[in-house]
Amino acid sequence: MMEFKDNKPIYRQIVEFAFNRMIDGSWVPDEMIPSVRELTADLGVNSRTVLKALDELQDLELIESRRGMGFMLVGDAVEKVRALRRRDFFESTIPDIISEMNILGISAAEVAALLSASCKK
């Protein structure tokens, strides 16, 4: 069962869960993803919430419905998710980090040194 946070709608957290499954290879392109019933049971949520998340994944063209079979992950879903995540990283995460750096008086040089050291490991 998934633990949900209060700061984001549950269906959006399920979309993020799906993104993670795509990126980590749990959901394979051109193969069926878990059914609504399976996701509802595994995540411990209402089926309407799962369907809302799946609708969003369809709108993003990451999954497609197969009549009588369920949903299939499209072939280029992983690349699309990475592109969406990268855009979010640069448009939301980085500005938040910069704001926090300014509040705490952390310089870009300090962060660069830490990143450089971390990337060498």
N, C-alpha and C. Protein backbone atom coordinates (compact mmCIF):
# COMPACT_ATOMS: atom_id res chain seq x y z
N MET A 1 0.84 -1.18 0.00
CA MET A 1 0.00 0.00 0.00
C MET A 1 0.89 1.25 0.00
N MET A 2 0.49 2.21 -0.78
CA MET A 2 1.27 3.43 -0.93
C MET A 2 0.93 4.44 0.16
N GLU A 3 1.94 5.14 0.65
CA GLU A 3 1.72 6.21 1.63
C GLU A 3 1.61 7.52 0.86
N PHE A 4 0.49 8.21 1.03
CA PHE A 4 0.25 9.45 0.30
C PHE A 4 0.53 10.66 1.17
N LYS A 5 0.98 11.73 0.51
CA LYS A 5 1.25 12.99 1.20
C LYS A 5 0.04 13.89 1.07
N ASP A 6 -0.09 14.80 2.00
CA ASP A 6 -1.23 15.72 2.02
C ASP A 6 -1.07 16.91 1.07
N ASN A 7 0.15 17.16 0.61
CA ASN A 7 0.42 18.38 -0.15
C ASN A 7 0.13 18.27 -1.65
N LYS A 8 -0.33 17.11 -2.12
CA LYS A 8 -0.57 16.90 -3.54
C LYS A 8 -1.75 15.95 -3.71
N PRO A 9 -2.61 16.19 -4.71
CA PRO A 9 -3.74 15.28 -4.92
C PRO A 9 -3.27 13.83 -5.11
N ILE A 10 -4.06 12.88 -4.61
CA ILE A 10 -3.68 11.47 -4.68
C ILE A 10 -3.50 11.02 -6.12
N TYR A 11 -4.38 11.44 -7.02
CA TYR A 11 -4.24 10.98 -8.40
C TYR A 11 -2.91 11.44 -9.01
N ARG A 12 -2.43 12.65 -8.61
CA ARG A 12 -1.13 13.14 -9.11
C ARG A 12 0.01 12.30 -8.54
N GLN A 13 -0.13 11.86 -7.29
CA GLN A 13 0.88 11.00 -6.69
C GLN A 13 0.90 9.63 -7.39
N ILE A 14 -0.26 9.18 -7.85
CA ILE A 14 -0.32 7.92 -8.60
C ILE A 14 0.35 8.11 -9.96
N VAL A 15 0.17 9.27 -10.58
CA VAL A 15 0.86 9.56 -11.84
C VAL A 15 2.37 9.50 -11.61
N GLU A 16 2.85 10.10 -10.52
CA GLU A 16 4.29 10.06 -10.19
C GLU A 16 4.74 8.61 -9.95
N PHE A 17 3.91 7.82 -9.27
CA PHE A 17 4.19 6.41 -9.06
C PHE A 17 4.37 5.71 -10.42
N ALA A 18 3.46 6.01 -11.34
CA ALA A 18 3.54 5.42 -12.68
C ALA A 18 4.82 5.87 -13.40
N PHE A 19 5.15 7.15 -13.29
CA PHE A 19 6.41 7.65 -13.88
C PHE A 19 7.59 6.84 -13.36
N ASN A 20 7.63 6.60 -12.05
CA ASN A 20 8.73 5.85 -11.46
C ASN A 20 8.79 4.43 -11.99
N ARG A 21 7.62 3.80 -12.16
CA ARG A 21 7.57 2.43 -12.68
C ARG A 21 8.07 2.38 -14.12
N MET A 22 7.80 3.43 -14.88
CA MET A 22 8.27 3.49 -16.26
C MET A 22 9.79 3.65 -16.30
N ILE A 23 10.30 4.57 -15.49
CA ILE A 23 11.73 4.85 -15.50
C ILE A 23 12.54 3.69 -14.94
N ASP A 24 12.03 3.02 -13.89
CA ASP A 24 12.82 1.92 -13.30
C ASP A 24 12.65 0.59 -14.05
N GLY A 25 11.82 0.60 -15.10
CA GLY A 25 11.67 -0.60 -15.92
C GLY A 25 10.64 -1.60 -15.43
N SER A 26 9.91 -1.26 -14.36
CA SER A 26 8.87 -2.16 -13.87
C SER A 26 7.73 -2.27 -14.88
N TRP A 27 7.44 -1.16 -15.54
CA TRP A 27 6.44 -1.16 -16.62
C TRP A 27 7.21 -1.04 -17.92
N VAL A 28 7.03 -2.01 -18.79
CA VAL A 28 7.82 -2.13 -20.00
C VAL A 28 7.05 -1.58 -21.21
N PRO A 29 7.70 -0.76 -22.04
CA PRO A 29 7.03 -0.25 -23.24
C PRO A 29 6.47 -1.38 -24.11
N ASP A 30 5.34 -1.11 -24.70
CA ASP A 30 4.63 -2.04 -25.58
C ASP A 30 4.10 -3.27 -24.84
N GLU A 31 3.98 -3.19 -23.52
CA GLU A 31 3.38 -4.25 -22.73
C GLU A 31 2.28 -3.67 -21.85
N MET A 32 1.38 -4.54 -21.41
CA MET A 32 0.27 -4.12 -20.57
C MET A 32 0.78 -3.70 -19.19
N ILE A 33 0.14 -2.66 -18.64
CA ILE A 33 0.44 -2.24 -17.28
C ILE A 33 -0.58 -2.92 -16.35
N PRO A 34 -0.38 -2.86 -15.03
CA PRO A 34 -1.37 -3.47 -14.13
C PRO A 34 -2.77 -2.90 -14.37
N SER A 35 -3.76 -3.74 -14.14
CA SER A 35 -5.15 -3.34 -14.36
C SER A 35 -5.58 -2.32 -13.31
N VAL A 36 -6.71 -1.67 -13.58
CA VAL A 36 -7.29 -0.73 -12.62
C VAL A 36 -7.54 -1.45 -11.30
N ARG A 37 -8.07 -2.66 -11.37
CA ARG A 37 -8.36 -3.44 -10.17
C ARG A 37 -7.06 -3.73 -9.38
N GLU A 38 -6.01 -4.12 -10.09
CA GLU A 38 -4.73 -4.40 -9.42
C GLU A 38 -4.16 -3.13 -8.77
N LEU A 39 -4.17 -2.03 -9.51
CA LEU A 39 -3.63 -0.78 -8.97
C LEU A 39 -4.45 -0.31 -7.78
N THR A 40 -5.77 -0.44 -7.87
CA THR A 40 -6.64 -0.04 -6.77
C THR A 40 -6.30 -0.83 -5.50
N ALA A 41 -6.13 -2.13 -5.65
CA ALA A 41 -5.80 -2.98 -4.50
C ALA A 41 -4.40 -2.71 -3.98
N ASP A 42 -3.42 -2.61 -4.89
CA ASP A 42 -2.03 -2.40 -4.49
C ASP A 42 -1.81 -1.06 -3.81
N LEU A 43 -2.50 -0.02 -4.31
CA LEU A 43 -2.29 1.33 -3.79
C LEU A 43 -3.24 1.68 -2.65
N GLY A 44 -4.31 0.90 -2.51
CA GLY A 44 -5.27 1.15 -1.43
C GLY A 44 -6.09 2.41 -1.64
N VAL A 45 -6.51 2.64 -2.88
CA VAL A 45 -7.30 3.82 -3.19
C VAL A 45 -8.57 3.43 -3.95
N ASN A 46 -9.45 4.39 -4.13
CA ASN A 46 -10.68 4.21 -4.87
C ASN A 46 -10.36 4.03 -6.36
N SER A 47 -11.13 3.20 -7.04
CA SER A 47 -10.89 2.95 -8.47
C SER A 47 -11.05 4.23 -9.30
N ARG A 48 -11.92 5.15 -8.88
CA ARG A 48 -12.09 6.40 -9.62
C ARG A 48 -10.82 7.25 -9.57
N THR A 49 -10.10 7.17 -8.45
CA THR A 49 -8.84 7.90 -8.33
C THR A 49 -7.80 7.32 -9.28
N VAL A 50 -7.75 5.99 -9.35
CA VAL A 50 -6.83 5.33 -10.29
C VAL A 50 -7.19 5.70 -11.72
N LEU A 51 -8.49 5.67 -12.04
CA LEU A 51 -8.93 6.01 -13.39
C LEU A 51 -8.57 7.45 -13.75
N LYS A 52 -8.67 8.36 -12.79
CA LYS A 52 -8.29 9.76 -13.04
C LYS A 52 -6.80 9.85 -13.37
N ALA A 53 -5.98 9.10 -12.65
CA ALA A 53 -4.53 9.08 -12.92
C ALA A 53 -4.26 8.47 -14.31
N LEU A 54 -4.95 7.39 -14.63
CA LEU A 54 -4.77 6.76 -15.93
C LEU A 54 -5.23 7.67 -17.06
N ASP A 55 -6.28 8.44 -16.82
CA ASP A 55 -6.73 9.43 -17.82
C ASP A 55 -5.63 10.45 -18.09
N GLU A 56 -4.97 10.88 -17.03
CA GLU A 56 -3.87 11.84 -17.21
C GLU A 56 -2.72 11.21 -17.99
N LEU A 57 -2.40 9.95 -17.67
CA LEU A 57 -1.34 9.26 -18.40
C LEU A 57 -1.71 9.10 -19.88
N GLN A 58 -2.99 8.89 -20.16
CA GLN A 58 -3.45 8.84 -21.56
C GLN A 58 -3.32 10.21 -22.22
N ASP A 59 -3.72 11.26 -21.49
CA ASP A 59 -3.61 12.62 -22.03
C ASP A 59 -2.16 12.98 -22.36
N LEU A 60 -1.24 12.44 -21.58
CA LEU A 60 0.19 12.67 -21.82
C LEU A 60 0.76 11.73 -22.89
N GLU A 61 -0.12 10.87 -23.42
CA GLU A 61 0.24 9.90 -24.46
C GLU A 61 1.33 8.94 -24.00
N LEU A 62 1.21 8.50 -22.72
CA LEU A 62 2.15 7.53 -22.16
C LEU A 62 1.56 6.12 -22.16
N ILE A 63 0.23 6.04 -22.09
CA ILE A 63 -0.44 4.75 -22.15
C ILE A 63 -1.57 4.86 -23.16
N GLU A 64 -2.00 3.70 -23.66
CA GLU A 64 -3.16 3.68 -24.54
C GLU A 64 -4.04 2.52 -24.14
N SER A 65 -5.34 2.71 -24.33
CA SER A 65 -6.32 1.71 -23.96
C SER A 65 -6.44 0.68 -25.07
N ARG A 66 -6.47 -0.58 -24.68
CA ARG A 66 -6.70 -1.68 -25.61
C ARG A 66 -8.03 -2.32 -25.25
N ARG A 67 -8.98 -2.22 -26.14
CA ARG A 67 -10.33 -2.71 -25.87
C ARG A 67 -10.30 -4.15 -25.36
N GLY A 68 -10.92 -4.34 -24.20
CA GLY A 68 -11.02 -5.67 -23.61
C GLY A 68 -9.76 -6.17 -22.94
N MET A 69 -8.68 -5.40 -23.01
CA MET A 69 -7.40 -5.86 -22.46
C MET A 69 -6.89 -4.98 -21.32
N GLY A 70 -7.15 -3.69 -21.40
CA GLY A 70 -6.63 -2.77 -20.39
C GLY A 70 -5.76 -1.71 -21.04
N PHE A 71 -4.72 -1.31 -20.33
CA PHE A 71 -3.84 -0.24 -20.80
C PHE A 71 -2.45 -0.76 -21.11
N MET A 72 -1.88 -0.25 -22.19
CA MET A 72 -0.54 -0.62 -22.61
C MET A 72 0.36 0.62 -22.55
N LEU A 73 1.58 0.41 -22.11
CA LEU A 73 2.57 1.48 -22.10
C LEU A 73 3.07 1.69 -23.52
N VAL A 74 3.04 2.92 -24.01
CA VAL A 74 3.48 3.19 -25.38
C VAL A 74 5.00 3.06 -25.49
N GLY A 75 5.46 2.85 -26.71
CA GLY A 75 6.87 2.57 -26.95
C GLY A 75 7.85 3.62 -26.48
N ASP A 76 7.48 4.90 -26.61
CA ASP A 76 8.41 5.97 -26.24
C ASP A 76 8.07 6.62 -24.90
N ALA A 77 7.32 5.91 -24.06
CA ALA A 77 6.86 6.47 -22.78
C ALA A 77 8.03 6.88 -21.87
N VAL A 78 9.05 6.06 -21.80
CA VAL A 78 10.18 6.35 -20.90
C VAL A 78 10.85 7.66 -21.31
N GLU A 79 11.06 7.84 -22.59
CA GLU A 79 11.69 9.09 -23.07
C GLU A 79 10.80 10.28 -22.77
N LYS A 80 9.49 10.12 -22.96
CA LYS A 80 8.55 11.21 -22.67
C LYS A 80 8.56 11.57 -21.19
N VAL A 81 8.59 10.55 -20.33
CA VAL A 81 8.61 10.81 -18.88
C VAL A 81 9.89 11.52 -18.49
N ARG A 82 11.01 11.06 -19.02
CA ARG A 82 12.28 11.74 -18.70
C ARG A 82 12.25 13.20 -19.15
N ALA A 83 11.68 13.46 -20.31
CA ALA A 83 11.59 14.84 -20.80
C ALA A 83 10.68 15.67 -19.89
N LEU A 84 9.55 15.10 -19.46
CA LEU A 84 8.66 15.81 -18.54
C LEU A 84 9.35 16.09 -17.21
N ARG A 85 10.05 15.09 -16.69
CA ARG A 85 10.74 15.26 -15.41
C ARG A 85 11.87 16.29 -15.51
N ARG A 86 12.61 16.26 -16.62
CA ARG A 86 13.70 17.23 -16.82
C ARG A 86 13.13 18.65 -16.85
N ARG A 87 12.03 18.82 -17.61
CA ARG A 87 11.40 20.15 -17.69
C ARG A 87 10.97 20.61 -16.30
N ASP A 88 10.33 19.73 -15.55
CA ASP A 88 9.90 20.08 -14.20
C ASP A 88 11.10 20.41 -13.30
N PHE A 89 12.17 19.64 -13.46
CA PHE A 89 13.38 19.89 -12.67
C PHE A 89 13.91 21.30 -12.92
N PHE A 90 14.01 21.68 -14.19
CA PHE A 90 14.56 22.99 -14.51
C PHE A 90 13.59 24.14 -14.26
N GLU A 91 12.29 23.88 -14.39
CA GLU A 91 11.31 24.96 -14.21
C GLU A 91 10.83 25.12 -12.77
N SER A 92 10.88 24.05 -11.97
CA SER A 92 10.36 24.12 -10.60
C SER A 92 11.41 23.84 -9.54
N THR A 93 12.09 22.73 -9.67
CA THR A 93 13.03 22.31 -8.63
C THR A 93 14.20 23.27 -8.50
N ILE A 94 14.85 23.56 -9.61
CA ILE A 94 16.02 24.45 -9.57
C ILE A 94 15.66 25.83 -9.03
N PRO A 95 14.58 26.48 -9.49
CA PRO A 95 14.23 27.78 -8.90
C PRO A 95 13.97 27.69 -7.39
N ASP A 96 13.35 26.60 -6.93
CA ASP A 96 13.13 26.43 -5.49
C ASP A 96 14.47 26.30 -4.75
N ILE A 97 15.40 25.56 -5.33
CA ILE A 97 16.72 25.39 -4.72
C ILE A 97 17.44 26.74 -4.66
N ILE A 98 17.39 27.48 -5.74
CA ILE A 98 18.06 28.79 -5.77
C ILE A 98 17.45 29.72 -4.73
N SER A 99 16.14 29.69 -4.60
CA SER A 99 15.49 30.52 -3.59
C SER A 99 15.97 30.14 -2.19
N GLU A 100 16.03 28.85 -1.91
CA GLU A 100 16.50 28.38 -0.60
C GLU A 100 17.97 28.73 -0.39
N MET A 101 18.78 28.63 -1.44
CA MET A 101 20.18 29.02 -1.33
C MET A 101 20.30 30.49 -0.95
N ASN A 102 19.50 31.34 -1.58
CA ASN A 102 19.53 32.77 -1.28
C ASN A 102 19.13 33.04 0.16
N ILE A 103 18.11 32.35 0.64
CA ILE A 103 17.66 32.53 2.02
C ILE A 103 18.75 32.12 3.01
N LEU A 104 19.44 31.02 2.70
CA LEU A 104 20.46 30.48 3.62
C LEU A 104 21.85 31.05 3.38
N GLY A 105 22.00 31.86 2.35
CA GLY A 105 23.31 32.44 2.07
C GLY A 105 24.31 31.43 1.52
N ILE A 106 23.83 30.46 0.77
CA ILE A 106 24.69 29.45 0.17
C ILE A 106 25.07 29.93 -1.22
N SER A 107 26.36 29.87 -1.51
CA SER A 107 26.83 30.36 -2.82
C SER A 107 26.77 29.24 -3.86
N ALA A 108 26.72 29.66 -5.11
CA ALA A 108 26.75 28.70 -6.22
C ALA A 108 28.06 27.92 -6.21
N ALA A 109 29.15 28.56 -5.78
CA ALA A 109 30.44 27.89 -5.72
C ALA A 109 30.42 26.75 -4.70
N GLU A 110 29.74 26.96 -3.56
CA GLU A 110 29.62 25.89 -2.55
C GLU A 110 28.88 24.69 -3.12
N VAL A 111 27.80 24.96 -3.82
CA VAL A 111 26.99 23.88 -4.41
C VAL A 111 27.78 23.18 -5.51
N ALA A 112 28.48 23.97 -6.33
CA ALA A 112 29.28 23.39 -7.42
C ALA A 112 30.35 22.47 -6.86
N ALA A 113 31.00 22.88 -5.78
CA ALA A 113 32.04 22.04 -5.16
C ALA A 113 31.44 20.74 -4.63
N LEU A 114 30.28 20.82 -4.00
CA LEU A 114 29.61 19.63 -3.48
C LEU A 114 29.20 18.70 -4.62
N LEU A 115 28.64 19.27 -5.69
CA LEU A 115 28.25 18.46 -6.84
C LEU A 115 29.47 17.81 -7.49
N SER A 116 30.52 18.56 -7.61
CA SER A 116 31.75 18.03 -8.22
C SER A 116 32.29 16.86 -7.40
N ALA A 117 32.31 17.01 -6.09
CA ALA A 117 32.79 15.94 -5.21
C ALA A 117 31.87 14.72 -5.28
N SER A 118 30.57 14.95 -5.35
CA SER A 118 29.61 13.85 -5.39
C SER A 118 29.68 13.08 -6.70
N CYS A 119 29.95 13.77 -7.79
CA CYS A 119 30.00 13.13 -9.10
C CYS A 119 31.26 12.29 -9.29
N LYS A 120 32.27 12.52 -8.48
CA LYS A 120 33.52 11.75 -8.58
C LYS A 120 33.42 10.41 -7.90
N LYS A 121 32.39 10.22 -7.06
CA LYS A 121 32.26 8.97 -6.30
C LYS A 121 31.79 7.85 -7.16
